[in-house]
């Protein structure tokens, strides 16, 4: 066991770390595949997901923003001892935490580490899920394949585009306005009726003005959901398939960003016009695997354009 900073650093180097405590390999030193230069690390390969996440977050921080010198750094971001200093924990203990040793950290230690890394609320929640696991209410959630008649009536009563999706972004409910705006889900094979698959399908860029921003948000929310509800075989297969078919998805997935789903805005091209839509996400009581997304026109002009589009599509 390391007893000094030097020995802790040497311990880190045996785990694929350089002298600054930054990874020289991906994930836990394992590589699943490579697509157009982007390394793909599947969910199951992340045997030390907490350590991977901690290293990734600190590598993206600017040392000068926290009062540290940027000189003589071989890799970007904060060093491990700098994170430990900001969190008021032992540098040796923090080294062990990144290496997956020493057991689960305390709630207080996690709070201080989250503050030291300047994590957002969604990133902080993700850190806790990785470090401490899931509460009993979040375990064993099965992916829903259909919704109740009551939920369908809620969708049908909404004049604005609305969908219901699972934690793996399978679309299991929609209304007429959503069909007119996003496509006829009834005619899609069930496997393809998935927001992630549609987002990274051919032609998707042309349909959304802000495609990259929206795609990154969807991937980040998907990563947060897989941590909250637990990784399923379906989620693992989806990540593997999309990583191999889409270099863009692979790159976004390997960024390890996490975010809450909405509220936000998106721009959609339809019939030569651009619609600016607000969107919000709502949980479904009693079904933690489901969320409903409602799109509403951002301005009076966008409302008029949407109504005109829906009327022409009758």
C-alpha atoms as a PDB file:
ATOM      1  CA  UNK A   1       0.000   0.000   0.000  1.00  0.00           C
ATOM      2  CA  UNK A   2       1.291   3.476  -0.749  1.00  0.00           C
ATOM      3  CA  UNK A   3       2.395   5.497   2.245  1.00  0.00           C
ATOM      4  CA  UNK A   4       3.747   8.565   0.458  1.00  0.00           C
ATOM      5  CA  UNK A   5       2.720  10.658  -2.513  1.00  0.00           C
ATOM      6  CA  UNK A   6       5.505   9.121  -4.626  1.00  0.00           C
ATOM      7  CA  UNK A   7       4.498   5.563  -3.831  1.00  0.00           C
ATOM      8  CA  UNK A   8       0.847   6.468  -4.468  1.00  0.00           C
ATOM      9  CA  UNK A   9       1.858   7.815  -7.872  1.00  0.00           C
ATOM     10  CA  UNK A  10       3.815   4.655  -8.631  1.00  0.00           C
ATOM     11  CA  UNK A  11       0.766   2.633  -7.665  1.00  0.00           C
ATOM     12  CA  UNK A  12      -1.291   4.711 -10.075  1.00  0.00           C
ATOM     13  CA  UNK A  13       1.227   4.101 -12.878  1.00  0.00           C
ATOM     14  CA  UNK A  14       0.810   0.340 -12.526  1.00  0.00           C
ATOM     15  CA  UNK A  15      -2.905   0.883 -13.201  1.00  0.00           C
ATOM     16  CA  UNK A  16      -2.310   2.689 -16.501  1.00  0.00           C
ATOM     17  CA  UNK A  17      -1.787   6.157 -15.019  1.00  0.00           C
ATOM     18  CA  UNK A  18       0.960   8.631 -15.777  1.00  0.00           C
ATOM     19  CA  UNK A  19       2.894  10.667 -13.214  1.00  0.00           C
ATOM     20  CA  UNK A  20       0.182  13.321 -13.137  1.00  0.00           C
ATOM     21  CA  UNK A  21      -2.451  10.756 -12.222  1.00  0.00           C
ATOM     22  CA  UNK A  22      -4.162  10.856 -15.621  1.00  0.00           C
ATOM     23  CA  UNK A  23      -5.138   7.754 -17.621  1.00  0.00           C
ATOM     24  CA  UNK A  24      -2.909   6.503 -20.408  1.00  0.00           C
ATOM     25  CA  UNK A  25      -5.471   3.892 -21.374  1.00  0.00           C
ATOM     26  CA  UNK A  26      -9.236   4.025 -21.473  1.00  0.00           C
ATOM     27  CA  UNK A  27     -11.752   2.821 -18.907  1.00  0.00           C
ATOM     28  CA  UNK A  28     -10.052   0.263 -16.646  1.00  0.00           C
ATOM     29  CA  UNK A  29      -7.304  -0.346 -19.165  1.00  0.00           C
ATOM     30  CA  UNK A  30      -9.674  -2.230 -21.440  1.00  0.00           C
ATOM     31  CA  UNK A  31     -10.687  -1.372 -24.995  1.00  0.00           C
ATOM     32  CA  UNK A  32     -13.724  -2.924 -26.602  1.00  0.00           C
ATOM     33  CA  UNK A  33     -13.273  -1.610 -30.132  1.00  0.00           C
ATOM     34  CA  UNK A  34     -12.256   1.413 -32.189  1.00  0.00           C
ATOM     35  CA  UNK A  35     -14.420   3.213 -34.747  1.00  0.00           C
ATOM     36  CA  UNK A  36     -12.757   5.853 -36.924  1.00  0.00           C
ATOM     37  CA  UNK A  37     -10.224   6.567 -34.202  1.00  0.00           C
ATOM     38  CA  UNK A  38     -12.811   6.795 -31.407  1.00  0.00           C
ATOM     39  CA  UNK A  39     -12.292   4.219 -28.672  1.00  0.00           C
ATOM     40  CA  UNK A  40     -15.448   2.391 -27.662  1.00  0.00           C
ATOM     41  CA  UNK A  41     -15.796   1.300 -24.056  1.00  0.00           C
ATOM     42  CA  UNK A  42     -18.951  -0.668 -23.372  1.00  0.00           C
ATOM     43  CA  UNK A  43     -20.789  -0.503 -20.068  1.00  0.00           C
ATOM     44  CA  UNK A  44     -19.635  -3.955 -18.978  1.00  0.00           C
ATOM     45  CA  UNK A  45     -15.954  -3.041 -19.517  1.00  0.00           C
ATOM     46  CA  UNK A  46     -16.084  -0.337 -16.871  1.00  0.00           C
ATOM     47  CA  UNK A  47     -15.159  -2.533 -13.898  1.00  0.00           C
ATOM     48  CA  UNK A  48     -14.000   0.566 -12.003  1.00  0.00           C
ATOM     49  CA  UNK A  49     -16.607   3.008 -13.280  1.00  0.00           C
ATOM     50  CA  UNK A  50     -16.212   5.342 -10.303  1.00  0.00           C
ATOM     51  CA  UNK A  51     -12.463   5.722 -10.848  1.00  0.00           C
ATOM     52  CA  UNK A  52     -12.933   6.241 -14.566  1.00  0.00           C
ATOM     53  CA  UNK A  53     -15.506   8.939 -13.935  1.00  0.00           C
ATOM     54  CA  UNK A  54     -13.380  10.748 -11.338  1.00  0.00           C
ATOM     55  CA  UNK A  55     -10.343  10.766 -13.635  1.00  0.00           C
ATOM     56  CA  UNK A  56     -12.431  11.966 -16.559  1.00  0.00           C
ATOM     57  CA  UNK A  57     -14.032  14.827 -14.613  1.00  0.00           C
ATOM     58  CA  UNK A  58     -10.757  16.167 -13.192  1.00  0.00           C
ATOM     59  CA  UNK A  59      -9.058  15.923 -16.590  1.00  0.00           C
ATOM     60  CA  UNK A  60     -11.550  18.487 -17.921  1.00  0.00           C
ATOM     61  CA  UNK A  61     -10.902  21.141 -15.273  1.00  0.00           C
ATOM     62  CA  UNK A  62      -8.675  24.191 -15.770  1.00  0.00           C
ATOM     63  CA  UNK A  63      -6.041  24.273 -12.974  1.00  0.00           C
ATOM     64  CA  UNK A  64      -5.726  28.058 -13.160  1.00  0.00           C
ATOM     65  CA  UNK A  65      -9.431  28.453 -12.400  1.00  0.00           C
ATOM     66  CA  UNK A  66      -8.747  26.898  -8.992  1.00  0.00           C
ATOM     67  CA  UNK A  67      -5.550  28.765  -8.206  1.00  0.00           C
ATOM     68  CA  UNK A  68      -3.084  26.107  -9.382  1.00  0.00           C
ATOM     69  CA  UNK A  69      -0.226  26.685 -11.804  1.00  0.00           C
ATOM     70  CA  UNK A  70      -0.648  25.322 -15.330  1.00  0.00           C
ATOM     71  CA  UNK A  71       3.117  24.899 -15.745  1.00  0.00           C
ATOM     72  CA  UNK A  72       4.866  21.535 -16.101  1.00  0.00           C
ATOM     73  CA  UNK A  73       1.771  19.447 -16.752  1.00  0.00           C
ATOM     74  CA  UNK A  74       2.018  16.518 -19.103  1.00  0.00           C
ATOM     75  CA  UNK A  75      -1.763  16.058 -19.235  1.00  0.00           C
ATOM     76  CA  UNK A  76      -4.746  18.419 -18.927  1.00  0.00           C
ATOM     77  CA  UNK A  77      -6.804  18.927 -15.802  1.00  0.00           C
ATOM     78  CA  UNK A  78      -6.204  18.737 -12.074  1.00  0.00           C
ATOM     79  CA  UNK A  79      -3.796  16.301 -10.465  1.00  0.00           C
ATOM     80  CA  UNK A  80      -5.093  13.816  -7.917  1.00  0.00           C
ATOM     81  CA  UNK A  81      -3.390  15.591  -5.035  1.00  0.00           C
ATOM     82  CA  UNK A  82      -5.011  18.864  -6.106  1.00  0.00           C
ATOM     83  CA  UNK A  83      -8.477  17.308  -6.024  1.00  0.00           C
ATOM     84  CA  UNK A  84      -7.632  15.806  -2.617  1.00  0.00           C
ATOM     85  CA  UNK A  85      -6.473  19.196  -1.361  1.00  0.00           C
ATOM     86  CA  UNK A  86      -9.687  20.887  -2.496  1.00  0.00           C
ATOM     87  CA  UNK A  87     -11.814  18.110  -0.969  1.00  0.00           C
ATOM     88  CA  UNK A  88      -9.807  18.103   2.287  1.00  0.00           C
ATOM     89  CA  UNK A  89      -9.072  14.372   2.046  1.00  0.00           C
ATOM     90  CA  UNK A  90      -5.841  12.396   2.032  1.00  0.00           C
ATOM     91  CA  UNK A  91      -4.081  12.274  -1.338  1.00  0.00           C
ATOM     92  CA  UNK A  92      -3.278   8.612  -0.687  1.00  0.00           C
ATOM     93  CA  UNK A  93      -6.926   7.806   0.084  1.00  0.00           C
ATOM     94  CA  UNK A  94      -8.098   9.658  -3.022  1.00  0.00           C
ATOM     95  CA  UNK A  95      -5.569   7.703  -5.105  1.00  0.00           C
ATOM     96  CA  UNK A  96      -7.006   4.469  -3.760  1.00  0.00           C
ATOM     97  CA  UNK A  97     -10.545   5.675  -4.495  1.00  0.00           C
ATOM     98  CA  UNK A  98      -9.696   6.282  -8.162  1.00  0.00           C
ATOM     99  CA  UNK A  99      -8.059   2.840  -8.309  1.00  0.00           C
ATOM    100  CA  UNK A 100     -11.136   1.106  -6.899  1.00  0.00           C
ATOM    101  CA  UNK A 101      -9.616   0.232  -3.528  1.00  0.00           C
ATOM    102  CA  UNK A 102     -10.574   0.939   0.071  1.00  0.00           C
ATOM    103  CA  UNK A 103     -14.328   0.354  -0.001  1.00  0.00           C
ATOM    104  CA  UNK A 104     -17.222   2.746  -0.416  1.00  0.00           C
ATOM    105  CA  UNK A 105     -16.602   6.402   0.488  1.00  0.00           C
ATOM    106  CA  UNK A 106     -18.771   8.198   3.033  1.00  0.00           C
ATOM    107  CA  UNK A 107     -21.553  10.573   2.061  1.00  0.00           C
ATOM    108  CA  UNK A 108     -19.566  13.488   3.445  1.00  0.00           C
ATOM    109  CA  UNK A 109     -16.455  12.554   1.448  1.00  0.00           C
ATOM    110  CA  UNK A 110     -18.497  12.283  -1.748  1.00  0.00           C
ATOM    111  CA  UNK A 111     -20.058  15.694  -1.131  1.00  0.00           C
ATOM    112  CA  UNK A 112     -16.610  17.241  -0.739  1.00  0.00           C
ATOM    113  CA  UNK A 113     -15.261  15.488  -3.838  1.00  0.00           C
ATOM    114  CA  UNK A 114     -18.269  16.667  -5.861  1.00  0.00           C
ATOM    115  CA  UNK A 115     -17.579  20.243  -4.733  1.00  0.00           C
ATOM    116  CA  UNK A 116     -13.853  19.868  -5.439  1.00  0.00           C
ATOM    117  CA  UNK A 117     -14.602  18.774  -8.997  1.00  0.00           C
ATOM    118  CA  UNK A 118     -17.236  21.527  -9.437  1.00  0.00           C
ATOM    119  CA  UNK A 119     -19.835  18.964 -10.513  1.00  0.00           C
ATOM    120  CA  UNK A 120     -23.293  19.984 -11.683  1.00  0.00           C
ATOM    121  CA  UNK A 121     -26.335  18.570  -9.875  1.00  0.00           C
ATOM    122  CA  UNK A 122     -26.741  15.819 -12.475  1.00  0.00           C
ATOM    123  CA  UNK A 123     -23.016  14.987 -12.364  1.00  0.00           C
ATOM    124  CA  UNK A 124     -23.101  14.914  -8.544  1.00  0.00           C
ATOM    125  CA  UNK A 125     -26.051  12.486  -8.596  1.00  0.00           C
ATOM    126  CA  UNK A 126     -24.170  10.299 -11.071  1.00  0.00           C
ATOM    127  CA  UNK A 127     -21.125  10.273  -8.775  1.00  0.00           C
ATOM    128  CA  UNK A 128     -23.256   9.056  -5.873  1.00  0.00           C
ATOM    129  CA  UNK A 129     -24.862   6.320  -7.968  1.00  0.00           C
ATOM    130  CA  UNK A 130     -21.458   5.068  -9.102  1.00  0.00           C
ATOM    131  CA  UNK A 131     -19.967   5.155  -5.607  1.00  0.00           C
ATOM    132  CA  UNK A 132     -22.850   3.851  -3.495  1.00  0.00           C
ATOM    133  CA  UNK A 133     -25.100   1.917  -5.863  1.00  0.00           C
ATOM    134  CA  UNK A 134     -28.878   2.138  -6.128  1.00  0.00           C
ATOM    135  CA  UNK A 135     -31.604   2.441  -3.559  1.00  0.00           C
ATOM    136  CA  UNK A 136     -33.959  -0.547  -3.282  1.00  0.00           C
ATOM    137  CA  UNK A 137     -36.684   1.346  -5.147  1.00  0.00           C
ATOM    138  CA  UNK A 138     -34.434   1.651  -8.198  1.00  0.00           C
ATOM    139  CA  UNK A 139     -33.334  -1.982  -8.544  1.00  0.00           C
ATOM    140  CA  UNK A 140     -34.797  -4.542 -10.859  1.00  0.00           C
ATOM    141  CA  UNK A 141     -36.829  -2.143 -13.013  1.00  0.00           C
ATOM    142  CA  UNK A 142     -38.002  -3.895 -16.164  1.00  0.00           C
ATOM    143  CA  UNK A 143     -38.175  -2.008 -19.439  1.00  0.00           C
ATOM    144  CA  UNK A 144     -41.787  -1.264 -20.377  1.00  0.00           C
ATOM    145  CA  UNK A 145     -42.933  -2.188 -23.870  1.00  0.00           C
ATOM    146  CA  UNK A 146     -46.390  -0.597 -23.819  1.00  0.00           C
ATOM    147  CA  UNK A 147     -48.333   1.968 -21.846  1.00  0.00           C
ATOM    148  CA  UNK A 148     -51.712   1.830 -20.157  1.00  0.00           C
ATOM    149  CA  UNK A 149     -54.886   3.098 -21.873  1.00  0.00           C
ATOM    150  CA  UNK A 150     -55.018   5.892 -19.270  1.00  0.00           C
ATOM    151  CA  UNK A 151     -51.571   7.165 -20.283  1.00  0.00           C
ATOM    152  CA  UNK A 152     -52.527   7.002 -23.951  1.00  0.00           C
ATOM    153  CA  UNK A 153     -55.580   9.146 -23.228  1.00  0.00           C
ATOM    154  CA  UNK A 154     -53.319  11.711 -21.538  1.00  0.00           C
ATOM    155  CA  UNK A 155     -51.210  11.855 -24.703  1.00  0.00           C
ATOM    156  CA  UNK A 156     -54.230  12.095 -26.994  1.00  0.00           C
ATOM    157  CA  UNK A 157     -55.716  14.951 -24.967  1.00  0.00           C
ATOM    158  CA  UNK A 158     -52.585  17.068 -25.568  1.00  0.00           C
ATOM    159  CA  UNK A 159     -52.624  19.086 -28.791  1.00  0.00           C
ATOM    160  CA  UNK A 160     -48.831  19.519 -28.657  1.00  0.00           C
ATOM    161  CA  UNK A 161     -46.353  16.803 -29.718  1.00  0.00           C
ATOM    162  CA  UNK A 162     -45.824  14.388 -26.819  1.00  0.00           C
ATOM    163  CA  UNK A 163     -44.120  11.022 -26.416  1.00  0.00           C
ATOM    164  CA  UNK A 164     -43.509   8.513 -23.632  1.00  0.00           C
ATOM    165  CA  UNK A 165     -40.157   6.719 -23.576  1.00  0.00           C
ATOM    166  CA  UNK A 166     -38.308   4.229 -21.391  1.00  0.00           C
ATOM    167  CA  UNK A 167     -34.941   4.664 -19.671  1.00  0.00           C
ATOM    168  CA  UNK A 168     -33.315   3.164 -22.783  1.00  0.00           C
ATOM    169  CA  UNK A 169     -35.246   5.707 -24.899  1.00  0.00           C
ATOM    170  CA  UNK A 170     -37.554   3.184 -26.531  1.00  0.00           C
ATOM    171  CA  UNK A 171     -40.617   5.177 -27.603  1.00  0.00           C
ATOM    172  CA  UNK A 172     -43.688   3.346 -26.277  1.00  0.00           C
ATOM    173  CA  UNK A 173     -46.360   6.048 -26.535  1.00  0.00           C
ATOM    174  CA  UNK A 174     -47.081   9.071 -28.756  1.00  0.00           C
ATOM    175  CA  UNK A 175     -49.877  11.303 -29.996  1.00  0.00           C
ATOM    176  CA  UNK A 176     -50.956  12.482 -33.450  1.00  0.00           C
ATOM    177  CA  UNK A 177     -48.974  15.716 -33.250  1.00  0.00           C
ATOM    178  CA  UNK A 178     -45.770  13.760 -32.497  1.00  0.00           C
ATOM    179  CA  UNK A 179     -46.355  11.570 -35.555  1.00  0.00           C
ATOM    180  CA  UNK A 180     -46.755  14.614 -37.785  1.00  0.00           C
ATOM    181  CA  UNK A 181     -43.646  16.289 -36.400  1.00  0.00           C
ATOM    182  CA  UNK A 182     -41.235  13.393 -35.807  1.00  0.00           C
ATOM    183  CA  UNK A 183     -42.448  10.538 -38.025  1.00  0.00           C
ATOM    184  CA  UNK A 184     -45.006   7.738 -38.056  1.00  0.00           C
ATOM    185  CA  UNK A 185     -43.945   5.536 -35.165  1.00  0.00           C
ATOM    186  CA  UNK A 186     -46.650   2.968 -36.045  1.00  0.00           C
ATOM    187  CA  UNK A 187     -44.826   2.196 -39.295  1.00  0.00           C
ATOM    188  CA  UNK A 188     -41.417   1.782 -37.667  1.00  0.00           C
ATOM    189  CA  UNK A 189     -40.095  -1.617 -36.559  1.00  0.00           C
ATOM    190  CA  UNK A 190     -40.216  -1.783 -32.760  1.00  0.00           C
ATOM    191  CA  UNK A 191     -36.411  -2.021 -32.518  1.00  0.00           C
ATOM    192  CA  UNK A 192     -35.946   1.184 -34.516  1.00  0.00           C
ATOM    193  CA  UNK A 193     -38.550   3.106 -32.507  1.00  0.00           C
ATOM    194  CA  UNK A 194     -35.854   4.450 -30.217  1.00  0.00           C
ATOM    195  CA  UNK A 195     -34.806   8.081 -29.743  1.00  0.00           C
ATOM    196  CA  UNK A 196     -31.081   7.275 -29.731  1.00  0.00           C
ATOM    197  CA  UNK A 197     -31.311   5.181 -32.896  1.00  0.00           C
ATOM    198  CA  UNK A 198     -33.349   7.875 -34.632  1.00  0.00           C
ATOM    199  CA  UNK A 199     -30.998  10.623 -33.412  1.00  0.00           C
ATOM    200  CA  UNK A 200     -27.982   8.898 -35.004  1.00  0.00           C
ATOM    201  CA  UNK A 201     -29.744   7.622 -38.134  1.00  0.00           C
ATOM    202  CA  UNK A 202     -29.044   8.943 -41.658  1.00  0.00           C
ATOM    203  CA  UNK A 203     -30.739  12.270 -42.274  1.00  0.00           C
ATOM    204  CA  UNK A 204     -31.194  13.114 -38.587  1.00  0.00           C
ATOM    205  CA  UNK A 205     -28.837  16.102 -38.821  1.00  0.00           C
ATOM    206  CA  UNK A 206     -30.928  17.696 -41.534  1.00  0.00           C
ATOM    207  CA  UNK A 207     -34.115  17.519 -39.465  1.00  0.00           C
ATOM    208  CA  UNK A 208     -32.700  19.323 -36.405  1.00  0.00           C
ATOM    209  CA  UNK A 209     -30.965  22.681 -36.702  1.00  0.00           C
ATOM    210  CA  UNK A 210     -29.204  22.144 -33.367  1.00  0.00           C
ATOM    211  CA  UNK A 211     -28.555  18.427 -33.876  1.00  0.00           C
ATOM    212  CA  UNK A 212     -25.198  18.130 -32.085  1.00  0.00           C
ATOM    213  CA  UNK A 213     -26.327  20.021 -28.981  1.00  0.00           C
ATOM    214  CA  UNK A 214     -29.528  17.972 -28.747  1.00  0.00           C
ATOM    215  CA  UNK A 215     -27.745  14.674 -29.450  1.00  0.00           C
ATOM    216  CA  UNK A 216     -25.212  15.336 -26.686  1.00  0.00           C
ATOM    217  CA  UNK A 217     -28.033  16.086 -24.271  1.00  0.00           C
ATOM    218  CA  UNK A 218     -29.834  12.855 -25.115  1.00  0.00           C
ATOM    219  CA  UNK A 219     -26.672  10.756 -24.699  1.00  0.00           C
ATOM    220  CA  UNK A 220     -25.849  12.435 -21.374  1.00  0.00           C
ATOM    221  CA  UNK A 221     -29.390  11.867 -20.069  1.00  0.00           C
ATOM    222  CA  UNK A 222     -29.255   8.234 -21.222  1.00  0.00           C
ATOM    223  CA  UNK A 223     -26.007   7.671 -19.290  1.00  0.00           C
ATOM    224  CA  UNK A 224     -27.570   9.193 -16.162  1.00  0.00           C
ATOM    225  CA  UNK A 225     -30.643   6.965 -16.519  1.00  0.00           C
ATOM    226  CA  UNK A 226     -28.593   3.773 -16.866  1.00  0.00           C
ATOM    227  CA  UNK A 227     -26.835   4.648 -13.604  1.00  0.00           C
ATOM    228  CA  UNK A 228     -30.073   5.541 -11.806  1.00  0.00           C
ATOM    229  CA  UNK A 229     -31.997   2.424 -12.785  1.00  0.00           C
ATOM    230  CA  UNK A 230     -29.137  -0.011 -13.283  1.00  0.00           C
ATOM    231  CA  UNK A 231     -27.543  -1.230 -16.483  1.00  0.00           C
ATOM    232  CA  UNK A 232     -29.745  -3.670 -18.393  1.00  0.00           C
ATOM    233  CA  UNK A 233     -28.803  -6.066 -21.177  1.00  0.00           C
ATOM    234  CA  UNK A 234     -30.877  -3.895 -23.498  1.00  0.00           C
ATOM    235  CA  UNK A 235     -28.840  -0.787 -22.600  1.00  0.00           C
ATOM    236  CA  UNK A 236     -25.556  -2.645 -23.043  1.00  0.00           C
ATOM    237  CA  UNK A 237     -26.545  -3.947 -26.483  1.00  0.00           C
ATOM    238  CA  UNK A 238     -27.788  -0.521 -27.547  1.00  0.00           C
ATOM    239  CA  UNK A 239     -24.506   1.178 -26.572  1.00  0.00           C
ATOM    240  CA  UNK A 240     -22.444  -1.493 -28.340  1.00  0.00           C
ATOM    241  CA  UNK A 241     -24.516  -1.348 -31.534  1.00  0.00           C
ATOM    242  CA  UNK A 242     -24.589   2.446 -31.750  1.00  0.00           C
ATOM    243  CA  UNK A 243     -20.886   2.730 -30.934  1.00  0.00           C
ATOM    244  CA  UNK A 244     -20.074   0.507 -33.901  1.00  0.00           C
ATOM    245  CA  UNK A 245     -22.514   2.086 -36.331  1.00  0.00           C
ATOM    246  CA  UNK A 246     -21.959   5.741 -35.376  1.00  0.00           C
ATOM    247  CA  UNK A 247     -18.535   7.265 -34.630  1.00  0.00           C
ATOM    248  CA  UNK A 248     -20.371  10.375 -33.425  1.00  0.00           C
ATOM    249  CA  UNK A 249     -22.286   8.404 -30.788  1.00  0.00           C
ATOM    250  CA  UNK A 250     -19.076   6.612 -29.757  1.00  0.00           C
ATOM    251  CA  UNK A 251     -17.302   9.920 -29.214  1.00  0.00           C
ATOM    252  CA  UNK A 252     -20.194  11.418 -27.230  1.00  0.00           C
ATOM    253  CA  UNK A 253     -20.592   8.279 -25.107  1.00  0.00           C
ATOM    254  CA  UNK A 254     -16.894   8.255 -24.259  1.00  0.00           C
ATOM    255  CA  UNK A 255     -17.111  11.866 -23.062  1.00  0.00           C
ATOM    256  CA  UNK A 256     -18.999  10.406 -20.057  1.00  0.00           C
ATOM    257  CA  UNK A 257     -21.143  13.505 -19.668  1.00  0.00           C
ATOM    258  CA  UNK A 258     -24.318  13.160 -17.598  1.00  0.00           C
ATOM    259  CA  UNK A 259     -27.276  15.518 -17.516  1.00  0.00           C
ATOM    260  CA  UNK A 260     -30.888  15.726 -16.500  1.00  0.00           C
ATOM    261  CA  UNK A 261     -33.427  15.524 -19.309  1.00  0.00           C
ATOM    262  CA  UNK A 262     -34.764  19.018 -19.951  1.00  0.00           C
ATOM    263  CA  UNK A 263     -36.222  21.485 -19.743  1.00  0.00           C
ATOM    264  CA  UNK A 264     -34.712  22.866 -22.929  1.00  0.00           C
ATOM    265  CA  UNK A 265     -35.298  24.073 -26.461  1.00  0.00           C
ATOM    266  CA  UNK A 266     -34.796  22.537 -29.877  1.00  0.00           C
ATOM    267  CA  UNK A 267     -35.175  23.724 -33.480  1.00  0.00           C
ATOM    268  CA  UNK A 268     -36.789  21.401 -36.000  1.00  0.00           C
ATOM    269  CA  UNK A 269     -36.996  21.811 -39.769  1.00  0.00           C
ATOM    270  CA  UNK A 270     -40.335  20.871 -41.369  1.00  0.00           C
ATOM    271  CA  UNK A 271     -41.706  21.762 -44.803  1.00  0.00           C
ATOM    272  CA  UNK A 272     -39.112  24.486 -45.281  1.00  0.00           C
ATOM    273  CA  UNK A 273     -39.882  26.160 -41.959  1.00  0.00           C
ATOM    274  CA  UNK A 274     -38.009  26.155 -38.658  1.00  0.00           C
ATOM    275  CA  UNK A 275     -39.962  25.481 -35.478  1.00  0.00           C
ATOM    276  CA  UNK A 276     -38.540  26.561 -32.115  1.00  0.00           C
ATOM    277  CA  UNK A 277     -39.950  24.251 -29.442  1.00  0.00           C
ATOM    278  CA  UNK A 278     -39.599  24.119 -25.679  1.00  0.00           C
ATOM    279  CA  UNK A 279     -39.539  20.639 -24.189  1.00  0.00           C
ATOM    280  CA  UNK A 280     -40.057  19.344 -20.674  1.00  0.00           C
ATOM    281  CA  UNK A 281     -39.803  15.855 -19.195  1.00  0.00           C
ATOM    282  CA  UNK A 282     -42.098  14.362 -16.566  1.00  0.00           C
ATOM    283  CA  UNK A 283     -41.803  11.132 -14.622  1.00  0.00           C
ATOM    284  CA  UNK A 284     -44.674   8.630 -14.591  1.00  0.00           C
ATOM    285  CA  UNK A 285     -45.814   7.749 -11.084  1.00  0.00           C
ATOM    286  CA  UNK A 286     -45.428   4.077 -10.268  1.00  0.00           C
ATOM    287  CA  UNK A 287     -43.340   3.425 -13.394  1.00  0.00           C
ATOM    288  CA  UNK A 288     -39.789   4.711 -12.776  1.00  0.00           C
ATOM    289  CA  UNK A 289     -38.694   3.404 -16.173  1.00  0.00           C
ATOM    290  CA  UNK A 290     -40.956   5.844 -18.019  1.00  0.00           C
ATOM    291  CA  UNK A 291     -40.814   9.551 -18.765  1.00  0.00           C
ATOM    292  CA  UNK A 292     -43.087  11.742 -20.861  1.00  0.00           C
ATOM    293  CA  UNK A 293     -41.660  14.525 -23.030  1.00  0.00           C
ATOM    294  CA  UNK A 294     -43.955  17.365 -24.102  1.00  0.00           C
ATOM    295  CA  UNK A 295     -42.960  19.830 -26.834  1.00  0.00           C
ATOM    296  CA  UNK A 296     -44.602  23.278 -26.837  1.00  0.00           C
ATOM    297  CA  UNK A 297     -44.117  26.168 -29.287  1.00  0.00           C
ATOM    298  CA  UNK A 298     -41.697  28.738 -27.865  1.00  0.00           C
ATOM    299  CA  UNK A 299     -43.414  31.771 -29.406  1.00  0.00           C
ATOM    300  CA  UNK A 300     -46.784  32.756 -30.835  1.00  0.00           C
ATOM    301  CA  UNK A 301     -45.280  32.556 -34.315  1.00  0.00           C
ATOM    302  CA  UNK A 302     -44.046  29.023 -33.668  1.00  0.00           C
ATOM    303  CA  UNK A 303     -47.496  28.064 -32.363  1.00  0.00           C
ATOM    304  CA  UNK A 304     -49.049  29.343 -35.579  1.00  0.00           C
ATOM    305  CA  UNK A 305     -46.534  27.427 -37.689  1.00  0.00           C
ATOM    306  CA  UNK A 306     -47.134  24.224 -35.724  1.00  0.00           C
ATOM    307  CA  UNK A 307     -50.932  24.483 -36.018  1.00  0.00           C
ATOM    308  CA  UNK A 308     -50.601  25.143 -39.753  1.00  0.00           C
ATOM    309  CA  UNK A 309     -48.347  22.090 -40.134  1.00  0.00           C
ATOM    310  CA  UNK A 310     -50.775  19.873 -38.224  1.00  0.00           C
ATOM    311  CA  UNK A 311     -53.738  21.127 -40.261  1.00  0.00           C
ATOM    312  CA  UNK A 312     -51.982  20.432 -43.566  1.00  0.00           C
ATOM    313  CA  UNK A 313     -51.150  16.929 -42.359  1.00  0.00           C
ATOM    314  CA  UNK A 314     -54.736  15.917 -41.549  1.00  0.00           C
END
